[in-house]
C-alpha atoms as a PDB file:
ATOM      1  CA  UNK A   1     142.173 143.432 123.023  1.00  0.00           C
ATOM      2  CA  UNK A   2     142.069 141.987 126.566  1.00  0.00           C
ATOM      3  CA  UNK A   3     140.670 144.000 129.457  1.00  0.00           C
ATOM      4  CA  UNK A   4     143.131 145.586 131.886  1.00  0.00           C
ATOM      5  CA  UNK A   5     143.714 143.656 135.122  1.00  0.00           C
ATOM      6  CA  UNK A   6     142.272 146.544 137.188  1.00  0.00           C
ATOM      7  CA  UNK A   7     139.018 146.390 135.204  1.00  0.00           C
ATOM      8  CA  UNK A   8     138.781 142.630 135.675  1.00  0.00           C
ATOM      9  CA  UNK A   9     139.284 143.018 139.443  1.00  0.00           C
ATOM     10  CA  UNK A  10     136.601 145.718 139.589  1.00  0.00           C
ATOM     11  CA  UNK A  11     134.142 143.504 137.695  1.00  0.00           C
ATOM     12  CA  UNK A  12     134.969 140.551 139.937  1.00  0.00           C
ATOM     13  CA  UNK A  13     134.427 142.668 143.050  1.00  0.00           C
ATOM     14  CA  UNK A  14     131.073 143.915 141.699  1.00  0.00           C
ATOM     15  CA  UNK A  15     129.948 140.378 140.910  1.00  0.00           C
ATOM     16  CA  UNK A  16     130.834 139.180 144.421  1.00  0.00           C
ATOM     17  CA  UNK A  17     128.921 142.098 145.912  1.00  0.00           C
ATOM     18  CA  UNK A  18     125.919 141.272 143.715  1.00  0.00           C
ATOM     19  CA  UNK A  19     126.092 137.630 144.880  1.00  0.00           C
ATOM     20  CA  UNK A  20     126.044 138.738 148.537  1.00  0.00           C
ATOM     21  CA  UNK A  21     123.085 141.057 147.908  1.00  0.00           C
ATOM     22  CA  UNK A  22     121.192 138.311 146.104  1.00  0.00           C
ATOM     23  CA  UNK A  23     121.928 135.800 148.878  1.00  0.00           C
ATOM     24  CA  UNK A  24     120.690 138.254 151.514  1.00  0.00           C
ATOM     25  CA  UNK A  25     117.554 139.028 149.503  1.00  0.00           C
ATOM     26  CA  UNK A  26     116.900 135.301 149.086  1.00  0.00           C
ATOM     27  CA  UNK A  27     117.229 134.725 152.863  1.00  0.00           C
ATOM     28  CA  UNK A  28     114.894 137.640 153.578  1.00  0.00           C
ATOM     29  CA  UNK A  29     112.357 136.340 151.057  1.00  0.00           C
ATOM     30  CA  UNK A  30     112.513 132.864 152.622  1.00  0.00           C
ATOM     31  CA  UNK A  31     111.918 134.394 156.063  1.00  0.00           C
ATOM     32  CA  UNK A  32     109.040 136.457 154.739  1.00  0.00           C
ATOM     33  CA  UNK A  33     107.454 133.407 153.151  1.00  0.00           C
ATOM     34  CA  UNK A  34     107.978 131.402 156.337  1.00  0.00           C
ATOM     35  CA  UNK A  35     106.498 134.251 158.353  1.00  0.00           C
ATOM     36  CA  UNK A  36     103.478 134.554 156.052  1.00  0.00           C
ATOM     37  CA  UNK A  37     102.821 130.815 156.233  1.00  0.00           C
ATOM     38  CA  UNK A  38     102.974 131.016 160.018  1.00  0.00           C
ATOM     39  CA  UNK A  39     100.747 134.111 160.088  1.00  0.00           C
ATOM     40  CA  UNK A  40      98.084 132.336 158.089  1.00  0.00           C
ATOM     41  CA  UNK A  41      98.233 129.412 160.484  1.00  0.00           C
ATOM     42  CA  UNK A  42      98.275 131.261 163.804  1.00  0.00           C
ATOM     43  CA  UNK A  43      98.988 135.010 163.581  1.00  0.00           C
ATOM     44  CA  UNK A  44     102.063 134.347 165.735  1.00  0.00           C
ATOM     45  CA  UNK A  45     105.569 133.572 164.538  1.00  0.00           C
ATOM     46  CA  UNK A  46     108.322 131.566 166.144  1.00  0.00           C
ATOM     47  CA  UNK A  47     111.002 133.512 167.970  1.00  0.00           C
ATOM     48  CA  UNK A  48     113.520 132.055 165.514  1.00  0.00           C
ATOM     49  CA  UNK A  49     111.785 133.763 162.583  1.00  0.00           C
ATOM     50  CA  UNK A  50     111.846 137.122 164.384  1.00  0.00           C
ATOM     51  CA  UNK A  51     115.501 136.565 165.314  1.00  0.00           C
ATOM     52  CA  UNK A  52     116.551 135.796 161.742  1.00  0.00           C
ATOM     53  CA  UNK A  53     114.503 138.686 160.387  1.00  0.00           C
ATOM     54  CA  UNK A  54     116.219 141.107 162.772  1.00  0.00           C
ATOM     55  CA  UNK A  55     119.725 139.670 162.524  1.00  0.00           C
ATOM     56  CA  UNK A  56     119.977 138.564 166.153  1.00  0.00           C
ATOM     57  CA  UNK A  57     120.330 135.158 167.752  1.00  0.00           C
ATOM     58  CA  UNK A  58     117.382 133.050 168.804  1.00  0.00           C
ATOM     59  CA  UNK A  59     118.731 133.005 172.365  1.00  0.00           C
ATOM     60  CA  UNK A  60     118.635 136.825 172.445  1.00  0.00           C
ATOM     61  CA  UNK A  61     114.947 136.763 171.530  1.00  0.00           C
ATOM     62  CA  UNK A  62     114.257 134.057 174.125  1.00  0.00           C
ATOM     63  CA  UNK A  63     115.997 136.106 176.834  1.00  0.00           C
ATOM     64  CA  UNK A  64     113.876 139.148 176.010  1.00  0.00           C
ATOM     65  CA  UNK A  65     110.740 136.996 176.005  1.00  0.00           C
ATOM     66  CA  UNK A  66     111.611 135.535 179.421  1.00  0.00           C
ATOM     67  CA  UNK A  67     112.236 139.046 180.759  1.00  0.00           C
ATOM     68  CA  UNK A  68     108.818 140.178 179.498  1.00  0.00           C
ATOM     69  CA  UNK A  69     110.372 142.745 177.152  1.00  0.00           C
ATOM     70  CA  UNK A  70     108.361 141.660 174.094  1.00  0.00           C
ATOM     71  CA  UNK A  71     104.614 142.342 174.428  1.00  0.00           C
ATOM     72  CA  UNK A  72     102.420 139.463 173.358  1.00  0.00           C
ATOM     73  CA  UNK A  73     105.200 136.857 173.506  1.00  0.00           C
ATOM     74  CA  UNK A  74     104.021 133.509 174.836  1.00  0.00           C
ATOM     75  CA  UNK A  75     105.433 130.053 175.228  1.00  0.00           C
ATOM     76  CA  UNK A  76     103.524 127.368 173.326  1.00  0.00           C
ATOM     77  CA  UNK A  77     104.728 123.788 173.340  1.00  0.00           C
ATOM     78  CA  UNK A  78     108.088 124.830 174.751  1.00  0.00           C
ATOM     79  CA  UNK A  79     108.736 127.406 172.002  1.00  0.00           C
ATOM     80  CA  UNK A  80     108.349 131.160 172.183  1.00  0.00           C
ATOM     81  CA  UNK A  81     105.805 132.636 169.796  1.00  0.00           C
ATOM     82  CA  UNK A  82     105.531 136.348 169.078  1.00  0.00           C
ATOM     83  CA  UNK A  83     102.904 138.443 167.341  1.00  0.00           C
ATOM     84  CA  UNK A  84     103.667 138.535 163.613  1.00  0.00           C
ATOM     85  CA  UNK A  85     103.971 142.327 163.723  1.00  0.00           C
ATOM     86  CA  UNK A  86     106.749 142.314 166.362  1.00  0.00           C
ATOM     87  CA  UNK A  87     109.289 145.046 165.567  1.00  0.00           C
ATOM     88  CA  UNK A  88     112.357 144.836 167.778  1.00  0.00           C
ATOM     89  CA  UNK A  89     113.535 148.281 166.714  1.00  0.00           C
ATOM     90  CA  UNK A  90     110.429 149.979 168.055  1.00  0.00           C
ATOM     91  CA  UNK A  91     110.939 148.111 171.355  1.00  0.00           C
ATOM     92  CA  UNK A  92     114.482 149.412 171.662  1.00  0.00           C
ATOM     93  CA  UNK A  93     115.975 145.908 171.420  1.00  0.00           C
END
């Protein structure tokens, strides 16, 4: 006996949602791994890593760095580096 169309649509919707969750988790894991590799090398992370981790653009992070809104941010070799523990939420950003 075939499944009703409504059931098939519900299953399809659930599978798509699971795919999105898995993709997001994979991106977060990649960022975490990238961040940990950077931490081991220098205890600072690139602004891009912080941006991706917090769901904001790299240019937003750079603007805040230039304005002095992120404690410990410094420019090294033309790229902004931030302490690995930087939490934008606690800074109100």
